[in-house]
PDB file of all heavy atoms in Angstrom:
ATOM      1  N   GLY A   1      98.944  92.650 133.694  1.00  0.00           N
ATOM      2  CA  GLY A   1      99.672  92.173 132.531  1.00  0.00           C
ATOM      3  C   GLY A   1      98.765  91.708 131.410  1.00  0.00           C
ATOM      4  O   GLY A   1      97.536  91.819 131.489  1.00  0.00           O
ATOM      5  N   SER A   2      99.395  91.158 130.373  1.00  0.00           N
ATOM      6  CA  SER A   2      98.674  90.719 129.182  1.00  0.00           C
ATOM      7  C   SER A   2      99.107  89.315 128.777  1.00  0.00           C
ATOM      8  O   SER A   2     100.232  88.898 129.043  1.00  0.00           O
ATOM      9  CB  SER A   2      98.945  91.666 128.010  1.00  0.00           C
ATOM     10  OG  SER A   2      98.512  92.978 128.282  1.00  0.00           O
ATOM     11  N   LEU A   3      98.161  88.624 128.138  1.00  0.00           N
ATOM     12  CA  LEU A   3      98.427  87.331 127.519  1.00  0.00           C
ATOM     13  C   LEU A   3      97.625  87.241 126.239  1.00  0.00           C
ATOM     14  O   LEU A   3      96.563  87.868 126.125  1.00  0.00           O
ATOM     15  CB  LEU A   3      98.031  86.174 128.434  1.00  0.00           C
ATOM     16  CG  LEU A   3      98.956  85.744 129.563  1.00  0.00           C
ATOM     17  CD1 LEU A   3      98.292  84.645 130.388  1.00  0.00           C
ATOM     18  CD2 LEU A   3     100.297  85.284 129.043  1.00  0.00           C
ATOM     19  N   ARG A   4      98.099  86.413 125.315  1.00  0.00           N
ATOM     20  CA  ARG A   4      97.354  86.164 124.085  1.00  0.00           C
ATOM     21  C   ARG A   4      97.182  84.664 123.923  1.00  0.00           C
ATOM     22  O   ARG A   4      98.161  83.927 123.869  1.00  0.00           O
ATOM     23  CB  ARG A   4      98.089  86.735 122.881  1.00  0.00           C
ATOM     24  CG  ARG A   4      97.278  86.678 121.586  1.00  0.00           C
ATOM     25  CD  ARG A   4      98.149  87.028 120.408  1.00  0.00           C
ATOM     26  NE  ARG A   4      97.383  87.318 119.204  1.00  0.00           N
ATOM     27  CZ  ARG A   4      97.827  87.082 117.975  1.00  0.00           C
ATOM     28  NH1 ARG A   4      99.025  86.545 117.801  1.00  0.00           N
ATOM     29  NH2 ARG A   4      97.078  87.383 116.922  1.00  0.00           N
ATOM     30  N   LEU A   5      95.938  84.241 123.842  1.00  0.00           N
ATOM     31  CA  LEU A   5      95.620  82.842 123.605  1.00  0.00           C
ATOM     32  C   LEU A   5      95.325  82.621 122.120  1.00  0.00           C
ATOM     33  O   LEU A   5      94.761  83.498 121.464  1.00  0.00           O
ATOM     34  CB  LEU A   5      94.411  82.405 124.427  1.00  0.00           C
ATOM     35  CG  LEU A   5      94.464  82.617 125.937  1.00  0.00           C
ATOM     36  CD1 LEU A   5      93.205  82.060 126.591  1.00  0.00           C
ATOM     37  CD2 LEU A   5      95.699  82.002 126.537  1.00  0.00           C
ATOM     38  N   SER A   6      95.702  81.437 121.648  1.00  0.00           N
ATOM     39  CA  SER A   6      95.397  81.042 120.271  1.00  0.00           C
ATOM     40  C   SER A   6      94.754  79.667 120.279  1.00  0.00           C
ATOM     41  O   SER A   6      95.051  78.836 121.140  1.00  0.00           O
ATOM     42  CB  SER A   6      96.666  80.994 119.417  1.00  0.00           C
ATOM     43  OG  SER A   6      97.313  82.232 119.363  1.00  0.00           O
ATOM     44  N   CYS A   7      93.894  79.435 119.304  1.00  0.00           N
ATOM     45  CA  CYS A   7      93.254  78.126 119.161  1.00  0.00           C
ATOM     46  C   CYS A   7      93.079  77.846 117.671  1.00  0.00           C
ATOM     47  O   CYS A   7      92.452  78.637 116.960  1.00  0.00           O
ATOM     48  CB  CYS A   7      91.903  78.111 119.860  1.00  0.00           C
ATOM     49  SG  CYS A   7      90.919  76.615 119.541  1.00  0.00           S
ATOM     50  N   THR A   8      93.630  76.723 117.236  1.00  0.00           N
ATOM     51  CA  THR A   8      93.532  76.332 115.838  1.00  0.00           C
ATOM     52  C   THR A   8      92.692  75.076 115.701  1.00  0.00           C
ATOM     53  O   THR A   8      92.911  74.099 116.420  1.00  0.00           O
ATOM     54  CB  THR A   8      94.921  76.092 115.238  1.00  0.00           C
ATOM     55  OG1 THR A   8      95.664  77.312 115.300  1.00  0.00           O
ATOM     56  CG2 THR A   8      94.829  75.650 113.787  1.00  0.00           C
ATOM     57  N   ALA A   9      91.749  75.122 114.776  1.00  0.00           N
ATOM     58  CA  ALA A   9      90.866  73.993 114.522  1.00  0.00           C
ATOM     59  C   ALA A   9      91.335  73.209 113.305  1.00  0.00           C
ATOM     60  O   ALA A   9      91.828  73.775 112.335  1.00  0.00           O
ATOM     61  CB  ALA A   9      89.443  74.482 114.304  1.00  0.00           C
ATOM     62  N   SER A  10      91.156  71.900 113.366  1.00  0.00           N
ATOM     63  CA  SER A  10      91.473  71.033 112.235  1.00  0.00           C
ATOM     64  C   SER A  10      90.456  69.906 112.177  1.00  0.00           C
ATOM     65  O   SER A  10      89.723  69.664 113.132  1.00  0.00           O
ATOM     66  CB  SER A  10      92.888  70.471 112.374  1.00  0.00           C
ATOM     67  OG  SER A  10      93.011  69.687 113.533  1.00  0.00           O
ATOM     68  N   GLY A  11      90.420  69.228 111.027  1.00  0.00           N
ATOM     69  CA  GLY A  11      89.482  68.121 110.867  1.00  0.00           C
ATOM     70  C   GLY A  11      88.304  68.521 109.985  1.00  0.00           C
ATOM     71  O   GLY A  11      88.426  69.360 109.109  1.00  0.00           O
ATOM     72  N   SER A  12      87.158  67.941 110.277  1.00  0.00           N
ATOM     73  CA  SER A  12      85.951  68.158 109.470  1.00  0.00           C
ATOM     74  C   SER A  12      85.232  69.415 109.948  1.00  0.00           C
ATOM     75  O   SER A  12      84.206  69.352 110.632  1.00  0.00           O
ATOM     76  CB  SER A  12      85.040  66.937 109.566  1.00  0.00           C
ATOM     77  OG  SER A  12      85.710  65.772 109.119  1.00  0.00           O
ATOM     78  N   ILE A  13      85.775  70.542 109.562  1.00  0.00           N
ATOM     79  CA  ILE A  13      85.254  71.826 110.055  1.00  0.00           C
ATOM     80  C   ILE A  13      84.131  72.297 109.147  1.00  0.00           C
ATOM     81  O   ILE A  13      84.321  72.442 107.947  1.00  0.00           O
ATOM     82  CB  ILE A  13      86.369  72.877 110.104  1.00  0.00           C
ATOM     83  CG1 ILE A  13      87.512  72.398 110.990  1.00  0.00           C
ATOM     84  CG2 ILE A  13      85.811  74.208 110.611  1.00  0.00           C
ATOM     85  CD1 ILE A  13      88.748  73.232 110.865  1.00  0.00           C
ATOM     86  N   PHE A  14      82.981  72.527 109.744  1.00  0.00           N
ATOM     87  CA  PHE A  14      81.877  73.127 108.997  1.00  0.00           C
ATOM     88  C   PHE A  14      82.280  74.545 108.662  1.00  0.00           C
ATOM     89  O   PHE A  14      82.756  75.287 109.518  1.00  0.00           O
ATOM     90  CB  PHE A  14      80.595  73.091 109.830  1.00  0.00           C
ATOM     91  CG  PHE A  14      79.386  73.544 109.084  1.00  0.00           C
ATOM     92  CD1 PHE A  14      78.882  72.793 108.034  1.00  0.00           C
ATOM     93  CD2 PHE A  14      78.730  74.706 109.433  1.00  0.00           C
ATOM     94  CE1 PHE A  14      77.748  73.204 107.343  1.00  0.00           C
ATOM     95  CE2 PHE A  14      77.599  75.127 108.752  1.00  0.00           C
ATOM     96  CZ  PHE A  14      77.117  74.381 107.701  1.00  0.00           C
ATOM     97  N   SER A  15      82.088  74.943 107.438  1.00  0.00           N
ATOM     98  CA  SER A  15      82.656  76.203 106.973  1.00  0.00           C
ATOM     99  C   SER A  15      82.106  77.411 107.712  1.00  0.00           C
ATOM    100  O   SER A  15      82.824  78.385 107.930  1.00  0.00           O
ATOM    101  CB  SER A  15      82.441  76.361 105.476  1.00  0.00           C
ATOM    102  OG  SER A  15      81.055  76.344 105.177  1.00  0.00           O
ATOM    103  N   ILE A  16      80.843  77.380 108.087  1.00  0.00           N
ATOM    104  CA  ILE A  16      80.246  78.507 108.811  1.00  0.00           C
ATOM    105  C   ILE A  16      80.159  78.117 110.281  1.00  0.00           C
ATOM    106  O   ILE A  16      79.418  77.198 110.643  1.00  0.00           O
ATOM    107  CB  ILE A  16      78.858  78.862 108.270  1.00  0.00           C
ATOM    108  CG1 ILE A  16      78.922  79.091 106.758  1.00  0.00           C
ATOM    109  CG2 ILE A  16      78.303  80.078 109.006  1.00  0.00           C
ATOM    110  CD1 ILE A  16      79.826  80.228 106.336  1.00  0.00           C
ATOM    111  N   ASN A  17      80.913  78.789 111.123  1.00  0.00           N
ATOM    112  CA  ASN A  17      80.929  78.411 112.530  1.00  0.00           C
ATOM    113  C   ASN A  17      81.219  79.611 113.411  1.00  0.00           C
ATOM    114  O   ASN A  17      81.666  80.656 112.937  1.00  0.00           O
ATOM    115  CB  ASN A  17      81.978  77.317 112.769  1.00  0.00           C
ATOM    116  CG  ASN A  17      83.365  77.754 112.345  1.00  0.00           C
ATOM    117  OD1 ASN A  17      83.967  78.638 112.960  1.00  0.00           O
ATOM    118  ND2 ASN A  17      83.892  77.138 111.314  1.00  0.00           N
ATOM    119  N   THR A  18      80.941  79.438 114.671  1.00  0.00           N
ATOM    120  CA  THR A  18      81.306  80.421 115.689  1.00  0.00           C
ATOM    121  C   THR A  18      82.403  79.824 116.541  1.00  0.00           C
ATOM    122  O   THR A  18      82.293  78.668 116.969  1.00  0.00           O
ATOM    123  CB  THR A  18      80.088  80.785 116.562  1.00  0.00           C
ATOM    124  OG1 THR A  18      79.121  81.463 115.749  1.00  0.00           O
ATOM    125  CG2 THR A  18      80.489  81.690 117.718  1.00  0.00           C
ATOM    126  N   MET A  19      83.453  80.578 116.776  1.00  0.00           N
ATOM    127  CA  MET A  19      84.528  80.124 117.652  1.00  0.00           C
ATOM    128  C   MET A  19      84.623  81.046 118.850  1.00  0.00           C
ATOM    129  O   MET A  19      84.276  82.233 118.757  1.00  0.00           O
ATOM    130  CB  MET A  19      85.861  80.087 116.907  1.00  0.00           C
ATOM    131  CG  MET A  19      85.904  79.071 115.782  1.00  0.00           C
ATOM    132  SD  MET A  19      87.541  78.903 115.027  1.00  0.00           S
ATOM    133  CE  MET A  19      88.414  77.998 116.324  1.00  0.00           C
ATOM    134  N   GLY A  20      85.070  80.507 119.952  1.00  0.00           N
ATOM    135  CA  GLY A  20      85.128  81.350 121.133  1.00  0.00           C
ATOM    136  C   GLY A  20      85.910  80.732 122.266  1.00  0.00           C
ATOM    137  O   GLY A  20      86.522  79.671 122.121  1.00  0.00           O
ATOM    138  N   TRP A  21      85.876  81.426 123.381  1.00  0.00           N
ATOM    139  CA  TRP A  21      86.583  81.022 124.587  1.00  0.00           C
ATOM    140  C   TRP A  21      85.633  81.034 125.772  1.00  0.00           C
ATOM    141  O   TRP A  21      84.848  81.983 125.944  1.00  0.00           O
ATOM    142  CB  TRP A  21      87.743  81.974 124.866  1.00  0.00           C
ATOM    143  CG  TRP A  21      88.814  81.925 123.829  1.00  0.00           C
ATOM    144  CD1 TRP A  21      88.908  82.704 122.709  1.00  0.00           C
ATOM    145  CD2 TRP A  21      89.940  81.050 123.807  1.00  0.00           C
ATOM    146  NE1 TRP A  21      90.022  82.358 121.990  1.00  0.00           N
ATOM    147  CE2 TRP A  21      90.681  81.350 122.643  1.00  0.00           C
ATOM    148  CE3 TRP A  21      90.407  80.048 124.655  1.00  0.00           C
ATOM    149  CZ2 TRP A  21      91.854  80.677 122.312  1.00  0.00           C
ATOM    150  CZ3 TRP A  21      91.577  79.384 124.332  1.00  0.00           C
ATOM    151  CH2 TRP A  21      92.291  79.703 123.165  1.00  0.00           C
ATOM    152  N   TYR A  22      85.728  80.005 126.570  1.00  0.00           N
ATOM    153  CA  TYR A  22      85.023  79.913 127.839  1.00  0.00           C
ATOM    154  C   TYR A  22      86.073  79.658 128.915  1.00  0.00           C
ATOM    155  O   TYR A  22      87.180  79.231 128.617  1.00  0.00           O
ATOM    156  CB  TYR A  22      84.004  78.772 127.815  1.00  0.00           C
ATOM    157  CG  TYR A  22      82.832  79.025 126.897  1.00  0.00           C
ATOM    158  CD1 TYR A  22      82.980  78.999 125.515  1.00  0.00           C
ATOM    159  CD2 TYR A  22      81.565  79.304 127.413  1.00  0.00           C
ATOM    160  CE1 TYR A  22      81.904  79.244 124.670  1.00  0.00           C
ATOM    161  CE2 TYR A  22      80.474  79.551 126.572  1.00  0.00           C
ATOM    162  CZ  TYR A  22      80.665  79.513 125.211  1.00  0.00           C
ATOM    163  OH  TYR A  22      79.594  79.761 124.382  1.00  0.00           O
ATOM    164  N   ARG A  23      85.716  79.911 130.149  1.00  0.00           N
ATOM    165  CA  ARG A  23      86.657  79.651 131.237  1.00  0.00           C
ATOM    166  C   ARG A  23      85.937  79.047 132.433  1.00  0.00           C
ATOM    167  O   ARG A  23      84.740  79.251 132.616  1.00  0.00           O
ATOM    168  CB  ARG A  23      87.397  80.926 131.646  1.00  0.00           C
ATOM    169  CG  ARG A  23      86.523  81.975 132.311  1.00  0.00           C
ATOM    170  CD  ARG A  23      87.335  83.250 132.544  1.00  0.00           C
ATOM    171  NE  ARG A  23      86.538  84.283 133.228  1.00  0.00           N
ATOM    172  CZ  ARG A  23      86.954  85.529 133.403  1.00  0.00           C
ATOM    173  NH1 ARG A  23      88.156  85.917 132.968  1.00  0.00           N
ATOM    174  NH2 ARG A  23      86.181  86.387 134.032  1.00  0.00           N
ATOM    175  N   GLN A  24      86.716  78.319 133.211  1.00  0.00           N
ATOM    176  CA  GLN A  24      86.173  77.712 134.423  1.00  0.00           C
ATOM    177  C   GLN A  24      87.198  77.810 135.534  1.00  0.00           C
ATOM    178  O   GLN A  24      88.311  77.288 135.417  1.00  0.00           O
ATOM    179  CB  GLN A  24      85.791  76.250 134.182  1.00  0.00           C
ATOM    180  CG  GLN A  24      85.044  75.621 135.336  1.00  0.00           C
ATOM    181  CD  GLN A  24      84.388  74.314 134.951  1.00  0.00           C
ATOM    182  OE1 GLN A  24      84.758  73.665 133.969  1.00  0.00           O
ATOM    183  NE2 GLN A  24      83.404  73.891 135.731  1.00  0.00           N
ATOM    184  N   ALA A  25      86.803  78.499 136.595  1.00  0.00           N
ATOM    185  CA  ALA A  25      87.634  78.615 137.794  1.00  0.00           C
ATOM    186  C   ALA A  25      87.230  77.528 138.788  1.00  0.00           C
ATOM    187  O   ALA A  25      86.104  77.020 138.728  1.00  0.00           O
ATOM    188  CB  ALA A  25      87.463  79.992 138.412  1.00  0.00           C
ATOM    189  N   PRO A  26      88.126  77.161 139.701  1.00  0.00           N
ATOM    190  CA  PRO A  26      87.791  76.113 140.680  1.00  0.00           C
ATOM    191  C   PRO A  26      86.520  76.437 141.451  1.00  0.00           C
ATOM    192  O   PRO A  26      86.357  77.557 141.963  1.00  0.00           O
ATOM    193  CB  PRO A  26      89.011  76.112 141.605  1.00  0.00           C
ATOM    194  CG  PRO A  26      90.120  76.599 140.746  1.00  0.00           C
ATOM    195  CD  PRO A  26      89.507  77.623 139.843  1.00  0.00           C
ATOM    196  N   GLY A  27      85.598  75.489 141.503  1.00  0.00           N
ATOM    197  CA  GLY A  27      84.369  75.679 142.248  1.00  0.00           C
ATOM    198  C   GLY A  27      83.320  76.515 141.553  1.00  0.00           C
ATOM    199  O   GLY A  27      82.262  76.799 142.139  1.00  0.00           O
ATOM    200  N   LYS A  28      83.587  76.910 140.314  1.00  0.00           N
ATOM    201  CA  LYS A  28      82.629  77.750 139.584  1.00  0.00           C
ATOM    202  C   LYS A  28      82.213  77.066 138.289  1.00  0.00           C
ATOM    203  O   LYS A  28      82.887  76.165 137.796  1.00  0.00           O
ATOM    204  CB  LYS A  28      83.242  79.114 139.283  1.00  0.00           C
ATOM    205  CG  LYS A  28      83.534  79.950 140.514  1.00  0.00           C
ATOM    206  CD  LYS A  28      83.960  81.359 140.134  1.00  0.00           C
ATOM    207  CE  LYS A  28      84.163  82.235 141.361  1.00  0.00           C
ATOM    208  NZ  LYS A  28      84.549  83.624 141.000  1.00  0.00           N
ATOM    209  N   GLU A  29      81.086  77.527 137.738  1.00  0.00           N
ATOM    210  CA  GLU A  29      80.611  76.996 136.468  1.00  0.00           C
ATOM    211  C   GLU A  29      81.409  77.598 135.305  1.00  0.00           C
ATOM    212  O   GLU A  29      81.969  78.691 135.418  1.00  0.00           O
ATOM    213  CB  GLU A  29      79.122  77.304 136.301  1.00  0.00           C
ATOM    214  CG  GLU A  29      78.232  76.585 137.304  1.00  0.00           C
ATOM    215  CD  GLU A  29      76.752  76.780 137.004  1.00  0.00           C
ATOM    216  OE1 GLU A  29      76.429  77.567 136.101  1.00  0.00           O
ATOM    217  OE2 GLU A  29      75.935  76.136 137.687  1.00  0.00           O
ATOM    218  N   ARG A  30      81.403  76.868 134.204  1.00  0.00           N
ATOM    219  CA  ARG A  30      82.048  77.378 132.999  1.00  0.00           C
ATOM    220  C   ARG A  30      81.257  78.585 132.496  1.00  0.00           C
ATOM    221  O   ARG A  30      80.025  78.564 132.459  1.00  0.00           O
ATOM    222  CB  ARG A  30      82.114  76.287 131.929  1.00  0.00           C
ATOM    223  CG  ARG A  30      82.982  76.634 130.751  1.00  0.00           C
ATOM    224  CD  ARG A  30      83.156  75.444 129.825  1.00  0.00           C
ATOM    225  NE  ARG A  30      83.888  74.349 130.471  1.00  0.00           N
ATOM    226  CZ  ARG A  30      84.335  73.275 129.815  1.00  0.00           C
ATOM    227  NH1 ARG A  30      84.117  73.163 128.508  1.00  0.00           N
ATOM    228  NH2 ARG A  30      84.980  72.328 130.459  1.00  0.00           N
ATOM    229  N   GLU A  31      81.966  79.632 132.089  1.00  0.00           N
ATOM    230  CA  GLU A  31      81.296  80.843 131.639  1.00  0.00           C
ATOM    231  C   GLU A  31      81.896  81.333 130.322  1.00  0.00           C
ATOM    232  O   GLU A  31      83.061  81.091 130.019  1.00  0.00           O
ATOM    233  CB  GLU A  31      81.418  81.955 132.692  1.00  0.00           C
ATOM    234  CG  GLU A  31      82.832  82.425 132.947  1.00  0.00           C
ATOM    235  CD  GLU A  31      82.912  83.630 133.884  1.00  0.00           C
ATOM    236  OE1 GLU A  31      81.857  84.147 134.302  1.00  0.00           O
ATOM    237  OE2 GLU A  31      84.041  84.068 134.170  1.00  0.00           O
ATOM    238  N   LEU A  32      81.073  82.050 129.587  1.00  0.00           N
ATOM    239  CA  LEU A  32      81.521  82.641 128.336  1.00  0.00           C
ATOM    240  C   LEU A  32      82.526  83.758 128.617  1.00  0.00           C
ATOM    241  O   LEU A  32      82.272  84.647 129.432  1.00  0.00           O
ATOM    242  CB  LEU A  32      80.334  83.213 127.563  1.00  0.00           C
ATOM    243  CG  LEU A  32      80.690  84.053 126.330  1.00  0.00           C
ATOM    244  CD1 LEU A  32      81.260  83.172 125.232  1.00  0.00           C
ATOM    245  CD2 LEU A  32      79.479  84.831 125.853  1.00  0.00           C
ATOM    246  N   VAL A  33      83.640  83.721 127.888  1.00  0.00           N
ATOM    247  CA  VAL A  33      84.584  84.836 127.896  1.00  0.00           C
ATOM    248  C   VAL A  33      84.314  85.714 126.672  1.00  0.00           C
ATOM    249  O   VAL A  33      84.029  86.901 126.790  1.00  0.00           O
ATOM    250  CB  VAL A  33      86.037  84.338 127.880  1.00  0.00           C
ATOM    251  CG1 VAL A  33      86.995  85.516 127.831  1.00  0.00           C
ATOM    252  CG2 VAL A  33      86.317  83.465 129.101  1.00  0.00           C
ATOM    253  N   ALA A  34      84.397  85.098 125.504  1.00  0.00           N
ATOM    254  CA  ALA A  34      84.144  85.817 124.255  1.00  0.00           C
ATOM    255  C   ALA A  34      83.938  84.805 123.140  1.00  0.00           C
ATOM    256  O   ALA A  34      84.482  83.701 123.193  1.00  0.00           O
ATOM    257  CB  ALA A  34      85.299  86.746 123.910  1.00  0.00           C
ATOM    258  N   ARG A  35      83.166  85.195 122.128  1.00  0.00           N
ATOM    259  CA  ARG A  35      82.987  84.370 120.953  1.00  0.00           C
ATOM    260  C   ARG A  35      82.851  85.281 119.751  1.00  0.00           C
ATOM    261  O   ARG A  35      82.541  86.468 119.887  1.00  0.00           O
ATOM    262  CB  ARG A  35      81.766  83.453 121.083  1.00  0.00           C
ATOM    263  CG  ARG A  35      80.468  84.179 121.325  1.00  0.00           C
ATOM    264  CD  ARG A  35      79.362  83.221 121.736  1.00  0.00           C
ATOM    265  NE  ARG A  35      78.168  83.945 122.148  1.00  0.00           N
ATOM    266  CZ  ARG A  35      77.154  83.393 122.790  1.00  0.00           C
ATOM    267  NH1 ARG A  35      77.184  82.099 123.100  1.00  0.00           N
ATOM    268  NH2 ARG A  35      76.107  84.118 123.124  1.00  0.00           N
ATOM    269  N   ILE A  36      83.084  84.705 118.570  1.00  0.00           N
ATOM    270  CA  ILE A  36      83.070  85.512 117.357  1.00  0.00           C
ATOM    271  C   ILE A  36      82.513  84.670 116.220  1.00  0.00           C
ATOM    272  O   ILE A  36      82.870  83.499 116.050  1.00  0.00           O
ATOM    273  CB  ILE A  36      84.493  86.044 117.046  1.00  0.00           C
ATOM    274  CG1 ILE A  36      84.477  87.001 115.863  1.00  0.00           C
ATOM    275  CG2 ILE A  36      85.498  84.916 116.850  1.00  0.00           C
ATOM    276  CD1 ILE A  36      85.780  87.792 115.718  1.00  0.00           C
ATOM    277  N   THR A  37      81.632  85.278 115.448  1.00  0.00           N
ATOM    278  CA  THR A  37      81.013  84.567 114.344  1.00  0.00           C
ATOM    279  C   THR A  37      81.964  84.470 113.161  1.00  0.00           C
ATOM    280  O   THR A  37      83.014  85.137 113.116  1.00  0.00           O
ATOM    281  CB  THR A  37      79.729  85.270 113.884  1.00  0.00           C
ATOM    282  OG1 THR A  37      80.086  86.540 113.322  1.00  0.00           O
ATOM    283  CG2 THR A  37      78.761  85.474 115.043  1.00  0.00           C
ATOM    284  N   TRP A  38      81.574  83.640 112.206  1.00  0.00           N
ATOM    285  CA  TRP A  38      82.366  83.516 110.980  1.00  0.00           C
ATOM    286  C   TRP A  38      82.551  84.881 110.318  1.00  0.00           C
ATOM    287  O   TRP A  38      83.610  85.184 109.772  1.00  0.00           O
ATOM    288  CB  TRP A  38      81.653  82.555 110.030  1.00  0.00           C
ATOM    289  CG  TRP A  38      82.353  82.361 108.724  1.00  0.00           C
ATOM    290  CD1 TRP A  38      82.091  82.959 107.527  1.00  0.00           C
ATOM    291  CD2 TRP A  38      83.457  81.481 108.488  1.00  0.00           C
ATOM    292  NE1 TRP A  38      82.951  82.508 106.558  1.00  0.00           N
ATOM    293  CE2 TRP A  38      83.795  81.616 107.116  1.00  0.00           C
ATOM    294  CE3 TRP A  38      84.173  80.601 109.303  1.00  0.00           C
ATOM    295  CZ2 TRP A  38      84.833  80.878 106.549  1.00  0.00           C
ATOM    296  CZ3 TRP A  38      85.202  79.873 108.719  1.00  0.00           C
ATOM    297  CH2 TRP A  38      85.520  80.019 107.367  1.00  0.00           C
ATOM    298  N   GLY A  39      81.535  85.728 110.409  1.00  0.00           N
ATOM    299  CA  GLY A  39      81.588  87.055 109.787  1.00  0.00           C
ATOM    300  C   GLY A  39      82.315  88.095 110.621  1.00  0.00           C
ATOM    301  O   GLY A  39      82.418  89.252 110.209  1.00  0.00           O
TER     302      GLY A  39
END
């Protein structure tokens, strides 16, 4: 199947930033899923 995650930032956001997703399963370390630059 499929899912779509969303994440909205607010507050004192530096204009140039990288946003992304990490995940952590039980008993495992947090790992990179995906990230995307401002560009």
